[in-house]
PDB file of N, CA and C in Angstrom:
ATOM      1  N   MET A   1     158.425 108.748  59.437  1.00  0.00           N
ATOM      2  CA  MET A   1     158.233 108.860  60.861  1.00  0.00           C
ATOM      3  C   MET A   1     156.777 109.203  61.198  1.00  0.00           C
ATOM      4  N   ALA A   2     156.173 110.069  60.418  1.00  0.00           N
ATOM      5  CA  ALA A   2     154.787 110.462  60.641  1.00  0.00           C
ATOM      6  C   ALA A   2     153.858 109.267  60.448  1.00  0.00           C
ATOM      7  N   VAL A   3     154.157 108.408  59.501  1.00  0.00           N
ATOM      8  CA  VAL A   3     153.333 107.225  59.246  1.00  0.00           C
ATOM      9  C   VAL A   3     153.422 106.267  60.432  1.00  0.00           C
ATOM     10  N   ALA A   4     154.597 106.113  60.984  1.00  0.00           N
ATOM     11  CA  ALA A   4     154.779 105.216  62.126  1.00  0.00           C
ATOM     12  C   ALA A   4     154.040 105.742  63.350  1.00  0.00           C
ATOM     13  N   THR A   5     154.075 107.057  63.573  1.00  0.00           N
ATOM     14  CA  THR A   5     153.381 107.659  64.705  1.00  0.00           C
ATOM     15  C   THR A   5     151.871 107.478  64.560  1.00  0.00           C
ATOM     16  N   THR A   6     151.364 107.675  63.353  1.00  0.00           N
ATOM     17  CA  THR A   6     149.926 107.508  63.099  1.00  0.00           C
ATOM     18  C   THR A   6     149.514 106.061  63.308  1.00  0.00           C
ATOM     19  N   ALA A   7     150.343 105.130  62.861  1.00  0.00           N
ATOM     20  CA  ALA A   7     150.031 103.709  63.014  1.00  0.00           C
ATOM     21  C   ALA A   7     149.992 103.336  64.494  1.00  0.00           C
ATOM     22  N   CYS A   8     150.935 103.839  65.280  1.00  0.00           N
ATOM     23  CA  CYS A   8     150.942 103.565  66.726  1.00  0.00           C
ATOM     24  C   CYS A   8     149.708 104.150  67.401  1.00  0.00           C
ATOM     25  N   ALA A   9     149.327 105.336  67.001  1.00  0.00           N
ATOM     26  CA  ALA A   9     148.140 105.973  67.579  1.00  0.00           C
ATOM     27  C   ALA A   9     146.896 105.159  67.278  1.00  0.00           C
ATOM     28  N   LEU A  10     146.775 104.633  66.073  1.00  0.00           N
ATOM     29  CA  LEU A  10     145.623 103.808  65.704  1.00  0.00           C
ATOM     30  C   LEU A  10     145.600 102.502  66.483  1.00  0.00           C
ATOM     31  N   LEU A  11     146.784 101.925  66.713  1.00  0.00           N
ATOM     32  CA  LEU A  11     146.835 100.683  67.475  1.00  0.00           C
ATOM     33  C   LEU A  11     146.333 100.883  68.906  1.00  0.00           C
ATOM     34  N   TRP A  12     146.551 102.060  69.463  1.00  0.00           N
ATOM     35  CA  TRP A  12     146.056 102.362  70.813  1.00  0.00           C
ATOM     36  C   TRP A  12     144.579 102.749  70.798  1.00  0.00           C
ATOM     37  N   ALA A  13     144.136 103.419  69.758  1.00  0.00           N
ATOM     38  CA  ALA A  13     142.762 103.943  69.703  1.00  0.00           C
ATOM     39  C   ALA A  13     141.731 102.845  69.527  1.00  0.00           C
ATOM     40  N   ILE A  14     142.032 101.839  68.724  1.00  0.00           N
ATOM     41  CA  ILE A  14     141.044 100.786  68.445  1.00  0.00           C
ATOM     42  C   ILE A  14     140.672 100.019  69.718  1.00  0.00           C
ATOM     43  N   PRO A  15     141.628  99.511  70.524  1.00  0.00           N
ATOM     44  CA  PRO A  15     141.222  98.811  71.756  1.00  0.00           C
ATOM     45  C   PRO A  15     140.520  99.725  72.754  1.00  0.00           C
ATOM     46  N   LEU A  16     140.917 100.993  72.822  1.00  0.00           N
ATOM     47  CA  LEU A  16     140.274 101.916  73.759  1.00  0.00           C
ATOM     48  C   LEU A  16     138.826 102.174  73.392  1.00  0.00           C
ATOM     49  N   SER A  17     138.535 102.311  72.105  1.00  0.00           N
ATOM     50  CA  SER A  17     137.153 102.543  71.694  1.00  0.00           C
ATOM     51  C   SER A  17     136.298 101.310  71.941  1.00  0.00           C
ATOM     52  N   ALA A  18     136.875 100.131  71.773  1.00  0.00           N
ATOM     53  CA  ALA A  18     136.138  98.897  72.054  1.00  0.00           C
ATOM     54  C   ALA A  18     135.842  98.788  73.549  1.00  0.00           C
ATOM     55  N   ALA A  19     136.801  99.178  74.393  1.00  0.00           N
ATOM     56  CA  ALA A  19     136.578  99.147  75.841  1.00  0.00           C
ATOM     57  C   ALA A  19     135.502 100.142  76.249  1.00  0.00           C
ATOM     58  N   ASP A  20     135.513 101.325  75.638  1.00  0.00           N
ATOM     59  CA  ASP A  20     134.477 102.317  75.939  1.00  0.00           C
ATOM     60  C   ASP A  20     133.105 101.794  75.561  1.00  0.00           C
ATOM     61  N   SER A  21     133.012 101.090  74.438  1.00  0.00           N
ATOM     62  CA  SER A  21     131.741 100.530  74.000  1.00  0.00           C
ATOM     63  C   SER A  21     131.248  99.475  74.990  1.00  0.00           C
ATOM     64  N   ALA A  22     132.150  98.607  75.444  1.00  0.00           N
ATOM     65  CA  ALA A  22     131.772  97.576  76.415  1.00  0.00           C
ATOM     66  C   ALA A  22     131.344  98.202  77.738  1.00  0.00           C
ATOM     67  N   THR A  23     132.048  99.237  78.166  1.00  0.00           N
ATOM     68  CA  THR A  23     131.696  99.926  79.407  1.00  0.00           C
ATOM     69  C   THR A  23     130.323 100.573  79.290  1.00  0.00           C
ATOM     70  N   ALA A  24     130.043 101.174  78.144  1.00  0.00           N
ATOM     71  CA  ALA A  24     128.739 101.808  77.932  1.00  0.00           C
ATOM     72  C   ALA A  24     127.622 100.783  78.008  1.00  0.00           C
ATOM     73  N   LYS A  25     127.832  99.584  77.417  1.00  0.00           N
ATOM     74  CA  LYS A  25     126.813  98.537  77.468  1.00  0.00           C
ATOM     75  C   LYS A  25     126.591  98.059  78.897  1.00  0.00           C
ATOM     76  N   LEU A  26     127.675  97.900  79.648  1.00  0.00           N
ATOM     77  CA  LEU A  26     127.571  97.471  81.036  1.00  0.00           C
ATOM     78  C   LEU A  26     126.836  98.509  81.872  1.00  0.00           C
ATOM     79  N   ASN A  27     127.158  99.781  81.693  1.00  0.00           N
ATOM     80  CA  ASN A  27     126.475 100.848  82.424  1.00  0.00           C
ATOM     81  C   ASN A  27     125.000 100.888  82.086  1.00  0.00           C
ATOM     82  N   SER A  28     124.664 100.625  80.833  1.00  0.00           N
ATOM     83  CA  SER A  28     123.271 100.604  80.416  1.00  0.00           C
ATOM     84  C   SER A  28     122.513  99.493  81.141  1.00  0.00           C
ATOM     85  N   LYS A  29     123.126  98.305  81.234  1.00  0.00           N
ATOM     86  CA  LYS A  29     122.474  97.192  81.934  1.00  0.00           C
ATOM     87  C   LYS A  29     122.321  97.488  83.414  1.00  0.00           C
ATOM     88  N   VAL A  30     123.337  98.060  84.030  1.00  0.00           N
ATOM     89  CA  VAL A  30     123.268  98.383  85.455  1.00  0.00           C
ATOM     90  C   VAL A  30     122.178  99.402  85.715  1.00  0.00           C
ATOM     91  N   THR A  31     122.074 100.416  84.860  1.00  0.00           N
ATOM     92  CA  THR A  31     121.056 101.443  85.029  1.00  0.00           C
ATOM     93  C   THR A  31     119.659 100.841  84.939  1.00  0.00           C
ATOM     94  N   LYS A  32     119.465  99.922  84.010  1.00  0.00           N
ATOM     95  CA  LYS A  32     118.142  99.314  83.843  1.00  0.00           C
ATOM     96  C   LYS A  32     117.765  98.446  85.030  1.00  0.00           C
ATOM     97  N   THR A  33     118.735  97.755  85.624  1.00  0.00           N
ATOM     98  CA  THR A  33     118.398  96.849  86.715  1.00  0.00           C
ATOM     99  C   THR A  33     118.333  97.541  88.062  1.00  0.00           C
ATOM    100  N   THR A  34     118.901  98.729  88.197  1.00  0.00           N
ATOM    101  CA  THR A  34     118.890  99.401  89.491  1.00  0.00           C
ATOM    102  C   THR A  34     117.863 100.517  89.578  1.00  0.00           C
ATOM    103  N   LYS A  35     116.943 100.586  88.627  1.00  0.00           N
ATOM    104  CA  LYS A  35     115.899 101.600  88.719  1.00  0.00           C
ATOM    105  C   LYS A  35     115.050 101.338  89.946  1.00  0.00           C
ATOM    106  N   ARG A  36     114.491 102.395  90.497  1.00  0.00           N
ATOM    107  CA  ARG A  36     113.685 102.308  91.708  1.00  0.00           C
ATOM    108  C   ARG A  36     112.476 101.403  91.494  1.00  0.00           C
ATOM    109  N   ALA A  37     112.308 100.468  92.383  1.00  0.00           N
ATOM    110  CA  ALA A  37     111.152  99.582  92.324  1.00  0.00           C
ATOM    111  C   ALA A  37     109.932 100.336  92.838  1.00  0.00           C
ATOM    112  N   THR A  38     108.832 100.159  92.174  1.00  0.00           N
ATOM    113  CA  THR A  38     107.592 100.771  92.656  1.00  0.00           C
ATOM    114  C   THR A  38     106.691  99.658  93.168  1.00  0.00           C
ATOM    115  N   TRP A  39     106.063  99.936  94.273  1.00  0.00           N
ATOM    116  CA  TRP A  39     105.180  98.955  94.875  1.00  0.00           C
ATOM    117  C   TRP A  39     103.748  99.255  94.467  1.00  0.00           C
ATOM    118  N   ARG A  40     102.937  98.246  94.546  1.00  0.00           N
ATOM    119  CA  ARG A  40     101.522  98.405  94.211  1.00  0.00           C
ATOM    120  C   ARG A  40     100.802  99.164  95.314  1.00  0.00           C
ATOM    121  N   PRO A  41      99.789  99.933  94.956  1.00  0.00           N
ATOM    122  CA  PRO A  41      98.977 100.610  95.979  1.00  0.00           C
ATOM    123  C   PRO A  41      98.307  99.579  96.891  1.00  0.00           C
ATOM    124  N   GLU A  42      98.137  99.942  98.128  1.00  0.00           N
ATOM    125  CA  GLU A  42      97.509  99.063  99.115  1.00  0.00           C
ATOM    126  C   GLU A  42      96.343  99.786  99.773  1.00  0.00           C
ATOM    127  N   ALA A  43      95.477  99.019 100.388  1.00  0.00           N
ATOM    128  CA  ALA A  43      94.342  99.577 101.129  1.00  0.00           C
ATOM    129  C   ALA A  43      94.568  99.322 102.615  1.00  0.00           C
ATOM    130  N   LEU A  44      94.140 100.270 103.414  1.00  0.00           N
ATOM    131  CA  LEU A  44      94.281 100.179 104.863  1.00  0.00           C
ATOM    132  C   LEU A  44      93.036 100.780 105.478  1.00  0.00           C
ATOM    133  N   SER A  45      92.506 100.139 106.503  1.00  0.00           N
ATOM    134  CA  SER A  45      91.369 100.727 107.208  1.00  0.00           C
ATOM    135  C   SER A  45      91.629 100.670 108.701  1.00  0.00           C
ATOM    136  N   GLY A  46      91.027 101.588 109.399  1.00  0.00           N
ATOM    137  CA  GLY A  46      91.212 101.673 110.835  1.00  0.00           C
ATOM    138  C   GLY A  46      90.665 102.980 111.362  1.00  0.00           C
ATOM    139  N   LYS A  47      91.291 103.465 112.421  1.00  0.00           N
ATOM    140  CA  LYS A  47      90.854 104.693 113.083  1.00  0.00           C
ATOM    141  C   LYS A  47      91.886 105.786 112.812  1.00  0.00           C
ATOM    142  N   LEU A  48      91.401 106.985 112.530  1.00  0.00           N
ATOM    143  CA  LEU A  48      92.288 108.130 112.351  1.00  0.00           C
ATOM    144  C   LEU A  48      92.801 108.529 113.725  1.00  0.00           C
ATOM    145  N   ALA A  49      94.078 108.232 114.003  1.00  0.00           N
ATOM    146  CA  ALA A  49      94.630 108.445 115.335  1.00  0.00           C
ATOM    147  C   ALA A  49      95.231 109.830 115.515  1.00  0.00           C
ATOM    148  N   MET A  50      95.849 110.377 114.447  1.00  0.00           N
ATOM    149  CA  MET A  50      96.513 111.668 114.584  1.00  0.00           C
ATOM    150  C   MET A  50      96.649 112.326 113.220  1.00  0.00           C
ATOM    151  N   VAL A  51      96.579 113.659 113.219  1.00  0.00           N
ATOM    152  CA  VAL A  51      96.785 114.449 112.008  1.00  0.00           C
ATOM    153  C   VAL A  51      97.735 115.587 112.357  1.00  0.00           C
ATOM    154  N   GLU A  52      98.830 115.713 111.621  1.00  0.00           N
ATOM    155  CA  GLU A  52      99.805 116.791 111.791  1.00  0.00           C
ATOM    156  C   GLU A  52      99.968 117.512 110.455  1.00  0.00           C
ATOM    157  N   PRO A  53      99.103 118.508 110.159  1.00  0.00           N
ATOM    158  CA  PRO A  53      99.173 119.187 108.862  1.00  0.00           C
ATOM    159  C   PRO A  53     100.521 119.842 108.578  1.00  0.00           C
ATOM    160  N   ASP A  54     101.170 120.413 109.607  1.00  0.00           N
ATOM    161  CA  ASP A  54     102.454 121.077 109.392  1.00  0.00           C
ATOM    162  C   ASP A  54     103.542 120.101 108.960  1.00  0.00           C
ATOM    163  N   GLN A  55     103.454 118.870 109.443  1.00  0.00           N
ATOM    164  CA  GLN A  55     104.438 117.846 109.089  1.00  0.00           C
ATOM    165  C   GLN A  55     103.973 116.988 107.917  1.00  0.00           C
ATOM    166  N   LYS A  56     102.768 117.262 107.421  1.00  0.00           N
ATOM    167  CA  LYS A  56     102.151 116.473 106.346  1.00  0.00           C
ATOM    168  C   LYS A  56     102.148 114.984 106.714  1.00  0.00           C
ATOM    169  N   LEU A  57     101.595 114.719 107.894  1.00  0.00           N
ATOM    170  CA  LEU A  57     101.600 113.379 108.466  1.00  0.00           C
ATOM    171  C   LEU A  57     100.216 113.010 108.979  1.00  0.00           C
ATOM    172  N   VAL A  58      99.824 111.769 108.721  1.00  0.00           N
ATOM    173  CA  VAL A  58      98.577 111.205 109.225  1.00  0.00           C
ATOM    174  C   VAL A  58      98.926 109.851 109.835  1.00  0.00           C
ATOM    175  N   VAL A  59      98.345 109.537 110.992  1.00  0.00           N
ATOM    176  CA  VAL A  59      98.564 108.238 111.622  1.00  0.00           C
ATOM    177  C   VAL A  59      97.232 107.502 111.678  1.00  0.00           C
ATOM    178  N   ILE A  60      97.230 106.296 111.120  1.00  0.00           N
ATOM    179  CA  ILE A  60      96.052 105.437 111.120  1.00  0.00           C
ATOM    180  C   ILE A  60      96.348 104.259 112.038  1.00  0.00           C
ATOM    181  N   GLN A  61      95.410 103.950 112.933  1.00  0.00           N
ATOM    182  CA  GLN A  61      95.572 102.805 113.819  1.00  0.00           C
ATOM    183  C   GLN A  61      94.627 101.705 113.359  1.00  0.00           C
ATOM    184  N   THR A  62      95.189 100.543 113.044  1.00  0.00           N
ATOM    185  CA  THR A  62      94.380  99.423 112.574  1.00  0.00           C
ATOM    186  C   THR A  62      93.597  98.821 113.740  1.00  0.00           C
ATOM    187  N   PRO A  63      92.589  98.000 113.462  1.00  0.00           N
ATOM    188  CA  PRO A  63      91.795  97.392 114.535  1.00  0.00           C
ATOM    189  C   PRO A  63      92.629  96.573 115.533  1.00  0.00           C
ATOM    190  N   ASP A  64      93.769  96.032 115.083  1.00  0.00           N
ATOM    191  CA  ASP A  64      94.606  95.276 116.012  1.00  0.00           C
ATOM    192  C   ASP A  64      95.624  96.154 116.735  1.00  0.00           C
ATOM    193  N   GLY A  65      95.484  97.489 116.612  1.00  0.00           N
ATOM    194  CA  GLY A  65      96.290  98.426 117.384  1.00  0.00           C
ATOM    195  C   GLY A  65      97.605  98.866 116.763  1.00  0.00           C
ATOM    196  N   VAL A  66      97.885  98.475 115.521  1.00  0.00           N
ATOM    197  CA  VAL A  66      99.149  98.845 114.878  1.00  0.00           C
ATOM    198  C   VAL A  66      99.013 100.231 114.245  1.00  0.00           C
ATOM    199  N   PRO A  67      99.884 101.179 114.627  1.00  0.00           N
ATOM    200  CA  PRO A  67      99.818 102.516 114.022  1.00  0.00           C
ATOM    201  C   PRO A  67     100.618 102.567 112.709  1.00  0.00           C
ATOM    202  N   TYR A  68     100.074 103.232 111.722  1.00  0.00           N
ATOM    203  CA  TYR A  68     100.746 103.441 110.441  1.00  0.00           C
ATOM    204  C   TYR A  68     100.917 104.937 110.223  1.00  0.00           C
ATOM    205  N   ASP A  69     102.155 105.377 110.139  1.00  0.00           N
ATOM    206  CA  ASP A  69     102.457 106.774 109.819  1.00  0.00           C
ATOM    207  C   ASP A  69     102.432 106.912 108.301  1.00  0.00           C
ATOM    208  N   LEU A  70     101.643 107.835 107.800  1.00  0.00           N
ATOM    209  CA  LEU A  70     101.524 108.042 106.361  1.00  0.00           C
ATOM    210  C   LEU A  70     101.888 109.473 106.010  1.00  0.00           C
ATOM    211  N   LYS A  71     102.734 109.616 105.009  1.00  0.00           N
ATOM    212  CA  LYS A  71     103.056 110.941 104.502  1.00  0.00           C
ATOM    213  C   LYS A  71     101.952 111.374 103.556  1.00  0.00           C
ATOM    214  N   VAL A  72     101.724 112.667 103.495  1.00  0.00           N
ATOM    215  CA  VAL A  72     100.645 113.218 102.687  1.00  0.00           C
ATOM    216  C   VAL A  72     101.226 114.275 101.751  1.00  0.00           C
ATOM    217  N   THR A  73     100.770 114.279 100.506  1.00  0.00           N
ATOM    218  CA  THR A  73     101.181 115.309  99.554  1.00  0.00           C
ATOM    219  C   THR A  73      99.991 116.191  99.218  1.00  0.00           C
ATOM    220  N   ALA A  74     100.246 117.205  98.439  1.00  0.00           N
ATOM    221  CA  ALA A  74      99.176 118.127  98.035  1.00  0.00           C
ATOM    222  C   ALA A  74      98.163 117.443  97.110  1.00  0.00           C
ATOM    223  N   ASN A  75      98.537 116.332  96.504  1.00  0.00           N
ATOM    224  CA  ASN A  75      97.655 115.631  95.553  1.00  0.00           C
ATOM    225  C   ASN A  75      96.685 114.660  96.218  1.00  0.00           C
ATOM    226  N   ILE A  76      96.680 114.567  97.532  1.00  0.00           N
ATOM    227  CA  ILE A  76      95.821 113.600  98.212  1.00  0.00           C
ATOM    228  C   ILE A  76      94.353 113.972  98.063  1.00  0.00           C
ATOM    229  N   ARG A  77      93.519 112.936  97.969  1.00  0.00           N
ATOM    230  CA  ARG A  77      92.059 113.144  97.937  1.00  0.00           C
ATOM    231  C   ARG A  77      91.510 112.740  99.298  1.00  0.00           C
ATOM    232  N   ILE A  78      90.849 113.677  99.961  1.00  0.00           N
ATOM    233  CA  ILE A  78      90.240 113.406 101.261  1.00  0.00           C
ATOM    234  C   ILE A  78      88.751 113.681 101.137  1.00  0.00           C
ATOM    235  N   GLN A  79      87.929 112.678 101.519  1.00  0.00           N
ATOM    236  CA  GLN A  79      86.479 112.842 101.428  1.00  0.00           C
ATOM    237  C   GLN A  79      85.807 112.395 102.717  1.00  0.00           C
ATOM    238  N   SER A  80      84.781 113.141 103.085  1.00  0.00           N
ATOM    239  CA  SER A  80      83.957 112.803 104.230  1.00  0.00           C
ATOM    240  C   SER A  80      82.509 113.136 103.891  1.00  0.00           C
ATOM    241  N   ARG A  81      81.653 112.152 104.016  1.00  0.00           N
ATOM    242  CA  ARG A  81      80.218 112.332 103.739  1.00  0.00           C
ATOM    243  C   ARG A  81      79.975 112.984 102.375  1.00  0.00           C
ATOM    244  N   GLY A  82      80.725 112.543 101.372  1.00  0.00           N
ATOM    245  CA  GLY A  82      80.507 113.019 100.016  1.00  0.00           C
ATOM    246  C   GLY A  82      81.109 114.376  99.691  1.00  0.00           C
ATOM    247  N   ARG A  83      81.809 114.998 100.606  1.00  0.00           N
ATOM    248  CA  ARG A  83      82.424 116.291 100.305  1.00  0.00           C
ATOM    249  C   ARG A  83      83.946 116.192 100.439  1.00  0.00           C
ATOM    250  N   SER A  84      84.621 116.986  99.653  1.00  0.00           N
ATOM    251  CA  SER A  84      86.081 117.007  99.681  1.00  0.00           C
ATOM    252  C   SER A  84      86.580 117.835 100.853  1.00  0.00           C
ATOM    253  N   MET A  85      87.726 117.431 101.380  1.00  0.00           N
ATOM    254  CA  MET A  85      88.331 118.136 102.508  1.00  0.00           C
ATOM    255  C   MET A  85      89.804 118.366 102.212  1.00  0.00           C
ATOM    256  N   VAL A  86      90.402 119.260 102.992  1.00  0.00           N
ATOM    257  CA  VAL A  86      91.847 119.465 102.939  1.00  0.00           C
ATOM    258  C   VAL A  86      92.444 118.908 104.227  1.00  0.00           C
ATOM    259  N   LEU A  87      93.757 118.753 104.249  1.00  0.00           N
ATOM    260  CA  LEU A  87      94.425 118.105 105.366  1.00  0.00           C
ATOM    261  C   LEU A  87      94.162 118.791 106.708  1.00  0.00           C
ATOM    262  N   LYS A  88      94.192 120.116 106.736  1.00  0.00           N
ATOM    263  CA  LYS A  88      93.984 120.803 108.024  1.00  0.00           C
ATOM    264  C   LYS A  88      92.579 120.569 108.574  1.00  0.00           C
ATOM    265  N   ASP A  89      91.589 120.367 107.690  1.00  0.00           N
ATOM    266  CA  ASP A  89      90.221 120.077 108.137  1.00  0.00           C
ATOM    267  C   ASP A  89      90.087 118.662 108.684  1.00  0.00           C
ATOM    268  N   LEU A  90      91.026 117.803 108.352  1.00  0.00           N
ATOM    269  CA  LEU A  90      90.967 116.411 108.782  1.00  0.00           C
ATOM    270  C   LEU A  90      91.181 116.265 110.289  1.00  0.00           C
ATOM    271  N   LYS A  91      91.768 117.275 110.920  1.00  0.00           N
ATOM    272  CA  LYS A  91      91.997 117.213 112.374  1.00  0.00           C
ATOM    273  C   LYS A  91      90.697 117.024 113.155  1.00  0.00           C
ATOM    274  N   GLN A  92      89.597 117.556 112.655  1.00  0.00           N
ATOM    275  CA  GLN A  92      88.315 117.420 113.360  1.00  0.00           C
ATOM    276  C   GLN A  92      87.707 116.025 113.216  1.00  0.00           C
ATOM    277  N   GLU A  93      88.324 115.184 112.386  1.00  0.00           N
ATOM    278  CA  GLU A  93      87.811 113.831 112.155  1.00  0.00           C
ATOM    279  C   GLU A  93      88.583 112.763 112.935  1.00  0.00           C
ATOM    280  N   VAL A  94      89.469 113.168 113.858  1.00  0.00           N
ATOM    281  CA  VAL A  94      90.266 112.214 114.640  1.00  0.00           C
ATOM    282  C   VAL A  94      89.334 111.265 115.400  1.00  0.00           C
ATOM    283  N   ASN A  95      89.736 110.011 115.483  1.00  0.00           N
ATOM    284  CA  ASN A  95      89.027 108.904 116.134  1.00  0.00           C
ATOM    285  C   ASN A  95      87.870 108.348 115.308  1.00  0.00           C
ATOM    286  N   LYS A  96      87.710 108.817 114.098  1.00  0.00           N
ATOM    287  CA  LYS A  96      86.688 108.250 113.221  1.00  0.00           C
ATOM    288  C   LYS A  96      87.295 107.158 112.360  1.00  0.00           C
ATOM    289  N   LYS A  97      86.439 106.262 111.879  1.00  0.00           N
ATOM    290  CA  LYS A  97      86.894 105.175 111.018  1.00  0.00           C
ATOM    291  C   LYS A  97      87.225 105.718 109.634  1.00  0.00           C
ATOM    292  N   VAL A  98      88.328 105.218 109.061  1.00  0.00           N
ATOM    293  CA  VAL A  98      88.766 105.676 107.745  1.00  0.00           C
ATOM    294  C   VAL A  98      89.229 104.496 106.895  1.00  0.00           C
ATOM    295  N   SER A  99      89.176 104.723 105.591  1.00  0.00           N
ATOM    296  CA  SER A  99      89.776 103.815 104.610  1.00  0.00           C
ATOM    297  C   SER A  99      90.814 104.625 103.854  1.00  0.00           C
ATOM    298  N   VAL A 100      91.979 104.043 103.682  1.00  0.00           N
ATOM    299  CA  VAL A 100      93.092 104.762 103.060  1.00  0.00           C
ATOM    300  C   VAL A 100      93.658 103.943 101.911  1.00  0.00           C
ATOM    301  N   ARG A 101      93.965 104.611 100.818  1.00  0.00           N
ATOM    302  CA  ARG A 101      94.750 104.024  99.724  1.00  0.00           C
ATOM    303  C   ARG A 101      96.147 104.595  99.875  1.00  0.00           C
ATOM    304  N   LEU A 102      97.155 103.723  99.880  1.00  0.00           N
ATOM    305  CA  LEU A 102      98.522 104.191 100.071  1.00  0.00           C
ATOM    306  C   LEU A 102      99.474 103.470  99.131  1.00  0.00           C
ATOM    307  N   VAL A 103     100.639 104.086  98.946  1.00  0.00           N
ATOM    308  CA  VAL A 103     101.703 103.480  98.157  1.00  0.00           C
ATOM    309  C   VAL A 103     102.925 103.365  99.058  1.00  0.00           C
ATOM    310  N   PRO A 104     103.386 102.133  99.310  1.00  0.00           N
ATOM    311  CA  PRO A 104     104.596 101.975 100.106  1.00  0.00           C
ATOM    312  C   PRO A 104     105.803 102.506  99.332  1.00  0.00           C
ATOM    313  N   GLU A 105     106.654 103.231 100.007  1.00  0.00           N
ATOM    314  CA  GLU A 105     107.886 103.743  99.400  1.00  0.00           C
ATOM    315  C   GLU A 105     109.015 103.559 100.396  1.00  0.00           C
ATOM    316  N   ARG A 106     110.249 103.627  99.905  1.00  0.00           N
ATOM    317  CA  ARG A 106     111.419 103.465 100.782  1.00  0.00           C
ATOM    318  C   ARG A 106     111.462 104.544 101.860  1.00  0.00           C
ATOM    319  N   ARG A 107     111.069 105.733 101.510  1.00  0.00           N
ATOM    320  CA  ARG A 107     111.148 106.847 102.458  1.00  0.00           C
ATOM    321  C   ARG A 107     109.937 106.925 103.390  1.00  0.00           C
ATOM    322  N   GLY A 108     108.982 106.039 103.210  1.00  0.00           N
ATOM    323  CA  GLY A 108     107.788 106.006 104.041  1.00  0.00           C
ATOM    324  C   GLY A 108     106.541 105.811 103.195  1.00  0.00           C
ATOM    325  N   ASP A 109     105.464 105.331 103.819  1.00  0.00           N
ATOM    326  CA  ASP A 109     104.213 105.107 103.095  1.00  0.00           C
ATOM    327  C   ASP A 109     103.589 106.443 102.724  1.00  0.00           C
ATOM    328  N   LEU A 110     103.073 106.523 101.509  1.00  0.00           N
ATOM    329  CA  LEU A 110     102.505 107.759 100.979  1.00  0.00           C
ATOM    330  C   LEU A 110     101.010 107.571 100.764  1.00  0.00           C
ATOM    331  N   ALA A 111     100.202 108.341 101.507  1.00  0.00           N
ATOM    332  CA  ALA A 111      98.743 108.262 101.381  1.00  0.00           C
ATOM    333  C   ALA A 111      98.301 108.919 100.080  1.00  0.00           C
ATOM    334  N   ARG A 112      97.466 108.229  99.318  1.00  0.00           N
ATOM    335  CA  ARG A 112      96.918 108.772  98.075  1.00  0.00           C
ATOM    336  C   ARG A 112      95.492 109.283  98.269  1.00  0.00           C
ATOM    337  N   SER A 113      94.716 108.580  99.097  1.00  0.00           N
ATOM    338  CA  SER A 113      93.345 109.027  99.368  1.00  0.00           C
ATOM    339  C   SER A 113      92.920 108.566 100.747  1.00  0.00           C
ATOM    340  N   ILE A 114      92.059 109.376 101.360  1.00  0.00           N
ATOM    341  CA  ILE A 114      91.501 109.048 102.669  1.00  0.00           C
ATOM    342  C   ILE A 114      89.998 109.240 102.584  1.00  0.00           C
ATOM    343  N   GLN A 115      89.262 108.220 102.986  1.00  0.00           N
ATOM    344  CA  GLN A 115      87.798 108.271 103.001  1.00  0.00           C
ATOM    345  C   GLN A 115      87.345 108.113 104.449  1.00  0.00           C
ATOM    346  N   ILE A 116      86.625 109.114 104.974  1.00  0.00           N
ATOM    347  CA  ILE A 116      86.082 109.039 106.329  1.00  0.00           C
ATOM    348  C   ILE A 116      84.817 108.197 106.270  1.00  0.00           C
ATOM    349  N   ASN A 117      84.754 107.143 107.084  1.00  0.00           N
ATOM    350  CA  ASN A 117      83.618 106.212 107.054  1.00  0.00           C
ATOM    351  C   ASN A 117      82.627 106.424 108.190  1.00  0.00           C
ATOM    352  N   GLY A 118      83.010 107.067 109.232  1.00  0.00           N
ATOM    353  CA  GLY A 118      82.077 107.170 110.351  1.00  0.00           C
ATOM    354  C   GLY A 118      82.309 108.343 111.227  1.00  0.00           C
TER     355      GLY A 118
END
């Protein structure tokens, strides 16, 4: 009786382990294809329209009048006339021409660097 029970258990275990293996392979493929897409950095130039340091937000208006809301992180590089600046100091540069490097993301465009041009 013990031999028959063991044989039945093995008959159930072999197909289940094969199914688990197939499921693992499928999950692996799905994980690889659904990873977050990263976009290439882009350049943007225009006028610094607004700075909101508390919200970590900068708005750049292009020459054709389109506003771009950009999120800012602590890693951003901001330069004006060869000197580094912090986000709160950028408020005094509103309405000046700027060049921005940004990375488009699903949650919003992320500014990487801002260069004050004028």
